[in-house]
Amino acid sequence: MAAKIAEIFDSFQNYLSDEEEIREEIRGIVREIEKSSREILMILQNIHNENETEENIIVSQYCAKSRDLLEDVRKNYEKLASVVPKDQYYRYNDQWRFVTQKLCFLVSLIVYLEIRTLVSKEVVAQVLGVKNNREEGFHLDLEDYLMGLLQLAAELSRFAVNSVTNGYYDRPIEIARFINELNAGFRLLNLKNDSLRKRFDGLKYSVKKVEEVVYDLSIRGLKPSTNPENSKETD
């Protein structure tokens, strides 16, 4: 009997050891992904420091450098997908959830800076090198994508303020329009997840912050004219 019990618990120990090996391998890959995400963030933070005459050219350079680093991110997500056992995504996803949310934010920021539009979940998944749908395997979770978009709103509200400081008055108006549309989109969702709901509640402050910037431009006479003829006269 004692030998049988020892055999049973030996099998338990083998299981725990194997799982710890998997977790350790995952942690190593996630550390590399986090390192790349920090480097991308450091590059993109420079958008807040550029003046009007340099902005379009230099911002595009920041986006290009960031995309180069995303290639490393993609490779590491592919490694991660090969390590995580099939059908056990949610057993281990706490280890990469937050860095994935951060990368969703960074990819959405890059796309906004490049073409002034909202990146789709499918495109973010392609950039990161993961599947878009849960049924396909290692995938981009919808909650992580949405959390990334809410981080984007906060970052763009800061960008609006700094754009005015740097003498670029068109940008806050573009950002205000975009964030208001994003806010309207989120209001269509019935959010029941506590962390997502809490982050969504912060979106109204981003909206208010940008609207105050646009209002301030208006009362100071700095808001660019939407009439092309008026713009020519000003020129």
Protein backbone atom coordinates (compact mmCIF):
# COMPACT_ATOMS: atom_id res chain seq x y z
CA MET A 1 0.00 0.00 0.00
CA ALA A 2 2.76 2.45 0.97
CA ALA A 3 4.58 1.74 -2.29
CA LYS A 4 1.40 2.42 -4.27
CA ILE A 5 0.84 5.73 -2.48
CA ALA A 6 4.45 6.73 -3.15
CA GLU A 7 3.97 5.86 -6.82
CA ILE A 8 0.85 8.02 -7.02
CA PHE A 9 2.59 10.99 -5.44
CA ASP A 10 5.64 10.51 -7.65
CA SER A 11 3.35 10.93 -10.65
CA PHE A 12 1.98 14.12 -9.07
CA GLN A 13 5.52 15.43 -8.63
CA ASN A 14 6.36 14.64 -12.23
CA TYR A 15 3.27 16.56 -13.35
CA LEU A 16 4.16 19.57 -11.18
CA SER A 17 7.76 19.53 -12.39
CA ASP A 18 6.68 19.43 -16.03
CA GLU A 19 4.26 22.30 -15.48
CA GLU A 20 6.92 24.39 -13.76
CA GLU A 21 9.25 23.81 -16.70
CA ILE A 22 6.56 25.07 -19.06
CA ARG A 23 5.91 28.13 -16.88
CA GLU A 24 9.62 28.92 -16.69
CA GLU A 25 9.97 28.69 -20.46
CA ILE A 26 6.93 30.94 -20.88
CA ARG A 27 8.38 33.47 -18.42
CA GLY A 28 11.62 33.62 -20.41
CA ILE A 29 9.81 34.32 -23.68
CA VAL A 30 7.50 36.87 -22.07
CA ARG A 31 10.51 38.74 -20.67
CA GLU A 32 11.82 39.12 -24.21
CA ILE A 33 8.43 40.39 -25.40
CA GLU A 34 8.30 42.87 -22.51
CA LYS A 35 11.79 44.09 -23.38
CA SER A 36 10.72 44.79 -26.97
CA SER A 37 7.54 46.52 -25.82
CA ARG A 38 9.54 48.86 -23.57
CA GLU A 39 11.84 49.74 -26.45
CA ILE A 40 8.89 50.47 -28.73
CA LEU A 41 7.25 52.62 -26.06
CA MET A 42 10.47 54.61 -25.57
CA ILE A 43 10.61 55.31 -29.31
CA LEU A 44 6.97 56.36 -29.58
CA GLN A 45 7.15 58.61 -26.53
CA ASN A 46 9.28 60.93 -28.67
CA ILE A 47 6.17 62.01 -30.58
CA HIS A 48 5.39 64.31 -27.66
CA ASN A 49 8.58 66.31 -28.18
CA GLU A 50 8.48 67.18 -31.89
CA ASN A 51 7.63 70.61 -33.28
CA GLU A 52 5.35 71.33 -36.24
CA THR A 53 8.01 71.66 -38.92
CA GLU A 54 9.56 68.27 -38.16
CA GLU A 55 6.59 66.27 -36.99
CA ASN A 56 5.28 64.42 -40.07
CA ILE A 57 8.69 63.18 -41.20
CA ILE A 58 10.06 62.26 -37.79
CA VAL A 59 6.85 60.63 -36.52
CA SER A 60 6.86 58.35 -39.58
CA GLN A 61 10.46 57.42 -38.71
CA TYR A 62 9.39 56.51 -35.17
CA CYS A 63 6.65 54.29 -36.58
CA ALA A 64 9.10 52.58 -38.95
CA LYS A 65 11.57 51.88 -36.12
CA SER A 66 8.75 50.52 -33.98
CA ARG A 67 7.58 48.19 -36.73
CA ASP A 68 11.10 46.81 -37.02
CA LEU A 69 11.01 45.90 -33.32
CA LEU A 70 7.59 44.33 -33.76
CA GLU A 71 9.25 41.69 -35.92
CA ASP A 72 11.06 40.44 -32.80
CA VAL A 73 7.77 40.51 -30.92
CA ARG A 74 6.14 38.43 -33.63
CA LYS A 75 8.89 35.79 -33.47
CA ASN A 76 8.57 35.53 -29.69
CA TYR A 77 4.79 35.12 -29.84
CA GLU A 78 5.35 32.29 -32.30
CA LYS A 79 7.71 30.68 -29.76
CA LEU A 80 5.13 31.22 -27.04
CA ALA A 81 2.43 29.55 -29.13
CA SER A 82 4.66 26.51 -29.61
CA VAL A 83 5.35 26.18 -25.86
CA VAL A 84 1.81 26.57 -24.51
CA PRO A 85 0.05 23.18 -24.59
CA LYS A 86 -2.95 22.90 -26.88
CA ASP A 87 -6.26 23.94 -25.28
CA GLN A 88 -4.44 25.36 -22.21
CA TYR A 89 -4.26 29.01 -23.30
CA TYR A 90 -6.24 30.29 -20.32
CA ARG A 91 -4.25 28.17 -17.87
CA TYR A 92 -1.16 30.27 -18.53
CA ASN A 93 -2.34 33.51 -20.12
CA ASP A 94 -1.93 35.58 -16.94
CA GLN A 95 1.78 35.60 -17.75
CA TRP A 96 1.44 37.43 -21.09
CA ARG A 97 -1.92 39.20 -20.70
CA PHE A 98 -0.60 42.60 -19.60
CA VAL A 99 2.22 42.82 -22.13
CA THR A 100 -0.26 41.83 -24.85
CA GLN A 101 -2.57 44.66 -23.79
CA LYS A 102 0.38 47.04 -23.92
CA LEU A 103 1.31 45.84 -27.40
CA CYS A 104 -2.29 46.25 -28.59
CA PHE A 105 -2.00 49.85 -27.45
CA LEU A 106 1.35 50.33 -29.18
CA VAL A 107 0.19 48.80 -32.47
CA SER A 108 -3.01 50.88 -32.40
CA LEU A 109 -0.93 54.02 -31.74
CA ILE A 110 1.40 53.25 -34.66
CA VAL A 111 -1.54 52.72 -37.02
CA TYR A 112 -3.23 55.91 -35.82
CA LEU A 113 -0.07 57.94 -36.39
CA GLU A 114 0.37 56.42 -39.85
CA ILE A 115 -3.14 56.62 -41.28
CA ARG A 116 -5.35 58.27 -38.62
CA THR A 117 -7.69 55.33 -38.23
CA LEU A 118 -8.62 52.65 -35.70
CA VAL A 119 -6.75 49.39 -36.12
CA SER A 120 -8.88 46.26 -36.24
CA LYS A 121 -8.41 43.31 -33.90
CA GLU A 122 -7.57 41.15 -36.90
CA VAL A 123 -4.72 43.46 -37.97
CA VAL A 124 -3.28 43.58 -34.44
CA ALA A 125 -3.32 39.78 -34.33
CA GLN A 126 -1.48 39.64 -37.67
CA VAL A 127 1.14 42.13 -36.48
CA LEU A 128 1.74 40.12 -33.30
CA GLY A 129 1.80 36.83 -35.17
CA VAL A 130 -1.10 35.21 -33.32
CA LYS A 131 -4.53 33.95 -34.35
CA ASN A 132 -7.54 36.25 -34.37
CA ASN A 133 -10.10 33.70 -33.16
CA ARG A 134 -10.08 31.53 -30.05
CA GLU A 135 -11.04 28.43 -32.04
CA GLU A 136 -7.83 28.66 -34.07
CA GLY A 137 -5.48 28.21 -31.10
CA PHE A 138 -3.09 30.74 -29.57
CA HIS A 139 -5.01 33.94 -30.20
CA LEU A 140 -5.50 37.59 -29.37
CA ASP A 141 -8.15 37.80 -26.67
CA LEU A 142 -10.87 40.42 -27.27
CA GLU A 143 -10.48 41.85 -23.77
CA ASP A 144 -6.75 42.47 -24.34
CA TYR A 145 -7.49 44.27 -27.62
CA LEU A 146 -10.12 46.50 -25.98
CA MET A 147 -7.83 47.31 -23.04
CA GLY A 148 -5.19 48.38 -25.55
CA LEU A 149 -7.64 50.75 -27.25
CA LEU A 150 -8.49 52.38 -23.93
CA GLN A 151 -4.78 52.96 -23.30
CA LEU A 152 -4.62 54.51 -26.76
CA ALA A 153 -7.31 57.04 -25.86
CA ALA A 154 -5.38 58.15 -22.77
CA GLU A 155 -2.15 58.50 -24.77
CA LEU A 156 -3.81 60.50 -27.55
CA SER A 157 -5.36 62.91 -25.05
CA ARG A 158 -1.84 63.61 -23.80
CA PHE A 159 -0.64 63.95 -27.39
CA ALA A 160 -3.34 66.55 -28.05
CA VAL A 161 -2.08 68.74 -25.22
CA ASN A 162 1.56 68.43 -26.26
CA SER A 163 0.72 69.10 -29.91
CA VAL A 164 -0.64 72.51 -28.94
CA THR A 165 2.48 73.20 -26.88
CA ASN A 166 4.56 72.36 -29.94
CA GLY A 167 2.51 74.66 -32.17
CA TYR A 168 0.55 72.01 -34.07
CA TYR A 169 -3.11 73.06 -33.85
CA ASP A 170 -4.73 70.64 -36.31
CA ARG A 171 -3.85 67.56 -34.30
CA PRO A 172 -6.15 68.09 -31.26
CA ILE A 173 -9.16 68.45 -33.56
CA GLU A 174 -8.34 65.18 -35.32
CA ILE A 175 -7.78 63.47 -31.98
CA ALA A 176 -11.02 64.84 -30.50
CA ARG A 177 -12.99 63.44 -33.43
CA PHE A 178 -11.28 60.06 -33.16
CA ILE A 179 -11.67 59.70 -29.38
CA ASN A 180 -15.34 60.71 -29.54
CA GLU A 181 -15.95 58.01 -32.16
CA LEU A 182 -14.06 55.50 -30.03
CA ASN A 183 -16.13 56.48 -27.01
CA ALA A 184 -19.33 56.02 -29.00
CA GLY A 185 -18.17 52.58 -30.07
CA PHE A 186 -17.43 51.46 -26.51
CA ARG A 187 -20.85 52.66 -25.40
CA LEU A 188 -22.40 50.08 -27.71
CA LEU A 189 -20.82 47.33 -25.60
CA ASN A 190 -22.39 45.79 -22.52
CA LEU A 191 -19.23 45.60 -20.44
CA LYS A 192 -19.44 43.20 -17.52
CA ASN A 193 -15.74 42.58 -16.92
CA ASP A 194 -14.70 44.60 -13.85
CA SER A 195 -11.21 45.63 -15.01
CA LEU A 196 -12.41 46.52 -18.51
CA ARG A 197 -15.38 48.44 -17.15
CA LYS A 198 -13.15 50.36 -14.75
CA ARG A 199 -10.74 51.30 -17.55
CA PHE A 200 -13.68 52.31 -19.76
CA ASP A 201 -14.89 54.66 -17.03
CA GLY A 202 -11.59 56.52 -17.46
CA LEU A 203 -12.31 57.12 -21.15
CA LYS A 204 -14.66 60.00 -20.31
CA TYR A 205 -11.70 61.88 -18.79
CA SER A 206 -9.74 61.49 -22.02
CA VAL A 207 -12.73 62.82 -23.98
CA LYS A 208 -13.12 65.76 -21.60
CA LYS A 209 -9.40 66.57 -21.70
CA VAL A 210 -9.29 66.75 -25.49
CA GLU A 211 -12.54 68.72 -25.74
CA GLU A 212 -11.08 71.28 -23.32
CA VAL A 213 -8.01 71.61 -25.56
CA VAL A 214 -10.17 72.18 -28.65
CA TYR A 215 -12.34 74.67 -26.76
CA ASP A 216 -9.26 76.55 -25.60
CA LEU A 217 -8.00 76.75 -29.20
CA SER A 218 -11.39 78.09 -30.29
CA ILE A 219 -11.63 80.90 -27.75
CA ARG A 220 -8.03 81.93 -28.43
CA GLY A 221 -8.65 82.05 -32.17
CA LEU A 222 -6.09 79.31 -32.83
CA LYS A 223 -8.48 76.66 -34.14
CA PRO A 224 -7.66 76.08 -37.84
CA SER A 225 -10.39 77.07 -40.28
CA THR A 226 -12.29 74.26 -42.01
CA ASN A 227 -12.99 76.56 -44.97
CA PRO A 228 -10.28 76.24 -47.66
CA GLU A 229 -10.89 79.80 -48.91
CA ASN A 230 -10.36 81.21 -45.44
CA SER A 231 -7.19 79.17 -45.10
CA LYS A 232 -5.86 80.66 -48.36
CA GLU A 233 -6.66 84.18 -47.18
CA THR A 234 -4.83 83.49 -43.93
CA ASP A 235 -1.84 82.20 -45.87
